[in-house]
Protein backbone atom coordinates (compact mmCIF):
# COMPACT_ATOMS: atom_id res chain seq x y z
CA ASP A 1 28.18 7.09 10.12
CA ASP A 2 25.72 6.67 12.93
CA ILE A 3 26.69 3.05 13.78
CA PRO A 4 29.82 2.97 15.97
CA PHE A 5 31.12 -0.47 14.90
CA GLN A 6 33.51 -1.65 12.28
CA GLY A 7 31.87 -3.07 9.19
CA GLU A 8 30.42 -2.48 5.77
CA SER A 9 27.97 0.38 5.54
CA VAL A 10 24.88 -0.50 3.45
CA ILE A 11 21.31 0.52 2.80
CA GLU A 12 18.84 -1.97 4.23
CA PRO A 13 16.82 -3.14 1.15
CA THR A 14 13.30 -3.33 2.58
CA PHE A 15 12.90 -0.08 4.39
CA GLN A 16 15.87 1.77 2.70
CA LEU A 17 17.43 2.68 6.08
CA LYS A 18 21.16 3.03 6.85
CA ALA A 19 22.65 -0.25 8.13
CA LYS A 20 25.94 -1.94 8.69
CA TRP A 21 27.16 -5.56 8.49
CA ILE A 22 29.01 -6.06 11.76
CA ASP A 23 30.99 -8.92 13.23
CA ALA A 24 28.99 -11.40 15.30
CA ALA A 25 31.22 -10.65 18.23
CA ASP A 26 29.85 -7.10 18.31
CA GLN A 27 26.20 -8.20 18.48
CA MET A 28 25.69 -7.96 22.23
CA ALA A 29 27.47 -4.56 22.49
CA ALA A 30 25.26 -3.27 19.64
CA GLU A 31 22.07 -4.47 21.33
CA HIS A 32 23.24 -2.83 24.59
CA GLN A 33 23.45 0.45 22.71
CA GLY A 34 19.84 0.13 21.61
CA LEU A 35 20.62 -0.78 18.05
CA THR A 36 18.41 -3.23 16.14
CA VAL A 37 20.40 -6.28 15.24
CA VAL A 38 19.00 -8.70 12.65
CA GLU A 39 20.43 -12.06 11.61
CA PRO A 40 21.55 -12.33 7.92
CA VAL A 41 18.99 -15.01 7.16
CA THR A 42 16.15 -12.83 8.50
CA VAL A 43 17.33 -9.97 6.26
CA ILE A 44 17.38 -12.21 3.26
CA MET A 45 13.91 -13.72 3.94
CA THR A 46 12.38 -10.33 4.69
CA HIS A 47 13.80 -8.96 1.46
CA LEU A 48 12.54 -11.94 -0.62
CA GLY A 49 9.15 -11.62 0.94
CA GLU A 50 9.06 -7.85 0.06
CA LEU A 51 10.06 -8.67 -3.47
CA MET A 52 7.25 -11.20 -3.84
CA ARG A 53 4.70 -8.72 -2.48
CA ASP A 54 6.01 -5.91 -4.67
CA ASN A 55 5.73 -8.07 -7.79
CA ALA A 56 2.55 -10.11 -6.97
CA SER A 57 0.48 -8.18 -9.45
CA ASP A 58 2.82 -9.21 -12.28
CA LEU A 59 2.37 -12.84 -11.40
CA LEU A 60 -1.47 -12.79 -11.83
CA THR A 61 -1.98 -13.79 -15.47
CA PHE A 62 -5.14 -13.70 -17.51
CA THR A 63 -5.28 -17.50 -17.39
CA GLU A 64 -4.91 -17.55 -13.62
CA THR A 65 -7.64 -14.93 -13.28
CA GLN A 66 -10.01 -17.07 -15.43
CA LYS A 67 -9.20 -20.07 -13.31
CA LEU A 68 -9.98 -18.26 -10.11
CA MET A 69 -13.36 -17.20 -11.47
CA ASP A 70 -14.05 -20.69 -12.87
CA ASP A 71 -13.51 -22.10 -9.30
CA MET A 72 -16.18 -19.90 -7.78
CA ASP A 73 -19.32 -21.40 -6.37
CA LYS A 74 -22.67 -21.57 -8.34
CA ALA A 75 -24.02 -18.36 -6.83
CA HIS A 76 -21.04 -16.35 -7.85
CA GLN A 77 -20.92 -17.98 -11.29
CA ARG A 78 -24.30 -16.31 -11.86
CA LEU A 79 -22.93 -13.04 -10.66
CA ILE A 80 -19.96 -13.35 -13.02
CA SER A 81 -22.22 -14.22 -15.99
CA ASP A 82 -24.31 -11.05 -15.29
CA MET A 83 -21.13 -8.98 -15.39
CA VAL A 84 -18.90 -10.60 -18.05
CA PRO A 85 -18.84 -9.58 -20.77
CA ALA A 86 -21.86 -7.27 -20.66
CA HIS A 87 -20.33 -4.68 -18.28
CA ILE A 88 -16.70 -5.71 -17.79
CA THR A 89 -14.22 -8.18 -19.42
CA THR A 90 -12.20 -10.85 -17.73
CA GLY A 91 -9.20 -8.74 -18.58
CA GLY A 92 -10.78 -5.84 -16.73
CA ILE A 93 -11.33 -7.97 -13.62
CA GLN A 94 -7.67 -9.11 -13.90
CA ARG A 95 -6.49 -5.51 -13.93
CA ILE A 96 -8.63 -4.67 -10.82
CA LEU A 97 -7.13 -7.61 -8.99
CA GLN A 98 -3.61 -6.58 -10.05
CA ASN A 99 -4.30 -3.06 -8.82
CA LEU A 100 -5.19 -4.49 -5.42
CA LEU A 101 -2.16 -6.83 -5.36
CA ALA A 102 0.12 -3.89 -6.39
CA GLU A 103 -0.79 -2.29 -3.01
CA ARG A 104 -0.46 -5.54 -1.11
CA ILE A 105 -4.15 -6.07 -0.63
CA SER A 106 -5.02 -9.80 -0.49
CA ILE A 107 -7.51 -11.08 -3.08
CA ARG A 108 -8.44 -14.24 -1.17
CA ASP A 109 -11.94 -12.84 -0.49
CA LEU A 110 -12.72 -12.96 -4.19
CA PRO A 111 -16.49 -13.22 -3.69
CA ALA A 112 -16.48 -9.89 -1.81
CA ILE A 113 -14.32 -8.34 -4.55
CA LEU A 114 -16.59 -9.57 -7.33
CA GLU A 115 -19.66 -8.35 -5.51
CA ALA A 116 -18.11 -4.88 -5.09
CA ILE A 117 -17.20 -4.89 -8.81
CA ALA A 118 -20.78 -5.75 -9.73
CA GLU A 119 -22.11 -2.83 -7.70
CA VAL A 120 -20.52 -0.25 -9.95
CA CYS A 121 -19.26 -1.81 -13.19
CA ALA A 122 -22.58 -1.11 -15.01
CA GLY A 123 -22.10 2.60 -14.32
CA THR A 124 -18.45 3.12 -15.21
CA ASN A 125 -15.78 1.41 -17.22
CA ASN A 126 -12.94 3.23 -15.37
CA LEU A 127 -10.95 0.47 -13.74
CA GLY A 128 -9.21 2.81 -11.39
CA MET A 129 -12.60 4.11 -10.03
CA ILE A 130 -13.90 0.55 -9.77
CA THR A 131 -10.73 -0.46 -7.79
CA GLU A 132 -11.27 2.43 -5.38
CA HIS A 133 -14.80 1.25 -4.73
CA VAL A 134 -13.58 -2.28 -4.18
CA ARG A 135 -11.12 -0.98 -1.65
CA THR A 136 -13.90 0.77 0.36
CA ARG A 137 -15.77 -2.55 0.50
CA LEU A 138 -12.60 -4.24 1.77
CA ALA A 139 -12.18 -1.70 4.60
CA ARG A 140 -12.28 -4.26 7.35
CA GLN A 141 -9.68 -6.37 5.70
CA ILE A 142 -7.42 -3.46 4.82
CA THR A 143 -7.64 -2.00 8.29
CA ALA A 144 -6.96 -5.35 9.93
CA ALA A 145 -3.99 -6.02 7.66
CA ASN A 146 -2.33 -2.71 8.74
CA SER A 147 -3.14 -2.77 12.44
CA ASP A 148 -0.50 -3.63 15.06
CA GLU A 149 -0.45 -6.53 17.41
CA GLU A 150 -2.92 -4.69 19.75
CA GLY A 151 -5.40 -4.15 16.88
CA VAL A 152 -4.57 -0.44 16.60
CA LEU A 153 -4.20 1.25 13.24
CA PRO A 154 -1.24 3.67 13.39
CA LEU A 155 -1.65 6.72 11.18
CA ILE A 156 0.30 9.55 9.71
CA ALA A 157 -2.11 12.21 8.53
CA LEU A 158 -1.71 14.97 5.98
CA SER A 159 -2.08 18.52 7.22
CA PRO A 160 -5.01 20.61 5.96
CA ASP A 161 -2.47 22.66 4.00
CA TRP A 162 -1.08 19.71 2.19
CA GLU A 163 -4.59 18.29 1.60
CA ALA A 164 -5.60 21.61 0.03
CA THR A 165 -2.42 21.97 -2.01
CA LEU A 166 -2.73 18.46 -3.52
CA THR A 167 -6.48 18.74 -4.08
CA HIS A 168 -6.04 21.98 -5.92
CA ALA A 169 -3.25 20.45 -8.08
CA LEU A 170 -5.61 17.78 -9.48
CA MET A 171 -6.02 18.21 -13.18
CA GLY A 172 -8.09 16.35 -15.78
CA ASP A 173 -11.61 14.97 -15.77
CA ARG A 174 -12.92 12.29 -13.48
CA ASP A 175 -11.38 9.48 -15.58
CA THR A 176 -7.92 10.97 -16.14
CA LYS A 177 -7.12 12.91 -13.02
CA HIS A 178 -3.47 13.52 -12.17
CA LEU A 179 -1.47 15.79 -9.94
CA ALA A 180 0.16 18.85 -11.58
CA LEU A 181 2.49 20.03 -8.82
CA GLN A 182 5.41 22.32 -9.37
CA PRO A 183 8.69 20.31 -9.19
CA SER A 184 9.86 22.30 -6.16
CA LYS A 185 6.55 21.63 -4.37
CA LEU A 186 6.72 17.90 -5.23
CA GLN A 187 10.29 17.71 -3.91
CA GLU A 188 9.22 19.37 -0.69
CA PHE A 189 6.42 16.87 -0.31
CA THR A 190 8.50 13.80 -1.01
CA THR A 191 11.28 15.01 1.28
CA ARG A 192 8.87 15.56 4.16
CA LEU A 193 7.32 12.17 3.64
CA ARG A 194 10.68 10.45 3.51
CA ASP A 195 11.84 12.19 6.75
CA VAL A 196 8.69 11.33 8.74
CA PHE A 197 8.46 7.65 7.66
CA ASP A 198 12.29 7.16 8.19
CA GLN A 199 11.89 8.41 11.70
CA HIS A 200 9.05 6.01 12.42
CA SER A 201 10.85 3.07 10.83
CA LEU A 202 13.77 3.60 13.09
CA SER A 203 11.33 3.34 15.97
CA GLY A 204 10.09 0.00 14.60
CA GLU A 205 6.70 1.51 13.57
CA SER A 206 4.88 1.04 10.28
CA PRO A 207 2.11 3.63 10.17
CA VAL A 208 -0.12 4.17 7.11
CA LEU A 209 -0.43 7.46 5.37
CA LEU A 210 -4.02 8.76 5.64
CA VAL A 211 -5.24 11.02 2.87
CA ASN A 212 -8.46 12.39 1.36
CA ALA A 213 -10.20 9.83 -0.89
CA ALA A 214 -10.11 12.27 -3.85
CA ILE A 215 -6.24 12.24 -3.92
CA ARG A 216 -5.40 8.74 -2.63
CA THR A 217 -4.56 7.30 -6.00
CA GLN A 218 -2.30 10.25 -7.02
CA VAL A 219 -0.52 10.31 -3.60
CA ARG A 220 0.09 6.56 -3.84
CA ALA A 221 1.70 7.10 -7.25
CA ILE A 222 4.17 9.57 -5.68
CA VAL A 223 4.97 7.32 -2.71
CA GLU A 224 5.57 4.17 -4.72
CA ARG A 225 8.44 5.90 -6.57
CA PHE A 226 10.64 5.97 -3.45
CA ARG A 227 8.95 3.72 -0.72
CA PRO A 228 6.49 1.18 -2.23
CA SER A 229 6.07 -0.39 1.27
CA ILE A 230 4.23 2.73 2.54
CA VAL A 231 0.47 2.02 2.67
CA VAL A 232 -1.70 4.87 1.57
CA MET A 233 -5.30 4.71 2.78
CA SER A 234 -8.28 7.03 2.52
CA GLN A 235 -10.77 7.77 5.31
CA ASN A 236 -13.29 5.61 3.47
CA GLU A 237 -11.05 2.53 3.95
CA ILE A 238 -10.92 2.65 7.70
CA TYR A 239 -13.31 0.17 9.29
CA PRO A 240 -15.82 2.14 11.37
CA ARG A 241 -15.09 0.10 14.55
CA ALA A 242 -11.35 0.33 14.12
CA LYS A 243 -9.11 1.59 16.93
CA ILE A 244 -6.75 4.24 15.51
CA LYS A 245 -3.76 6.12 16.75
CA THR A 246 -2.32 9.18 15.01
CA LEU A 247 1.42 9.22 15.34
CA GLY A 248 2.08 12.43 13.43
CA ARG A 249 1.19 14.78 10.66
CA ILE A 250 2.78 15.87 7.43
């Protein structure tokens, strides 16, 4: 037990870190020892907020998607009519929006999202590939959303060795790519990820994991199994004028 106070030991629900419920009388002493002390109501509100963000994609129904599109201005109504249903269905657009929400990307800039979809939907019906293209078009938004108070994007990068290992483990054609890592290698990767991000969480930092665009989707699928709050970005999603800071490497 790393927390030298009496109380119930727990796992903090949002960042999955060791924590302890302590008596209010011990708050000042805990703060003097450099421990992070959070009020119960803050813990509850943070957890509820995380639950909403984690499940936002499930809340976007087909009907709600149709309503969002019906409310677009006249210029974008023409764009929609050019796409739907000739190149993509409303259900396909719903799925793309859900993909974005699943990784906590706001869909408020729906015009930009629809324009990005229109750029590629005539050439592919792979919704995952279309989603990745949309993400590149939202680079400024994604970068800003994950930057700190000083406008700096904190990064944890993959080492060249891990980049090569994961890239070589890609199997399948361009529409059905997946990672075929040996179980021991997958365990090694997830353990290393967990250790690095736990260390930075204890320091109050929330860096993003930066990976090659070719493996971003597959790495995200690994990460969301144990820490959905970790943001996984590719180099293509960093806004060119962004200020970045590399905090470490895996």
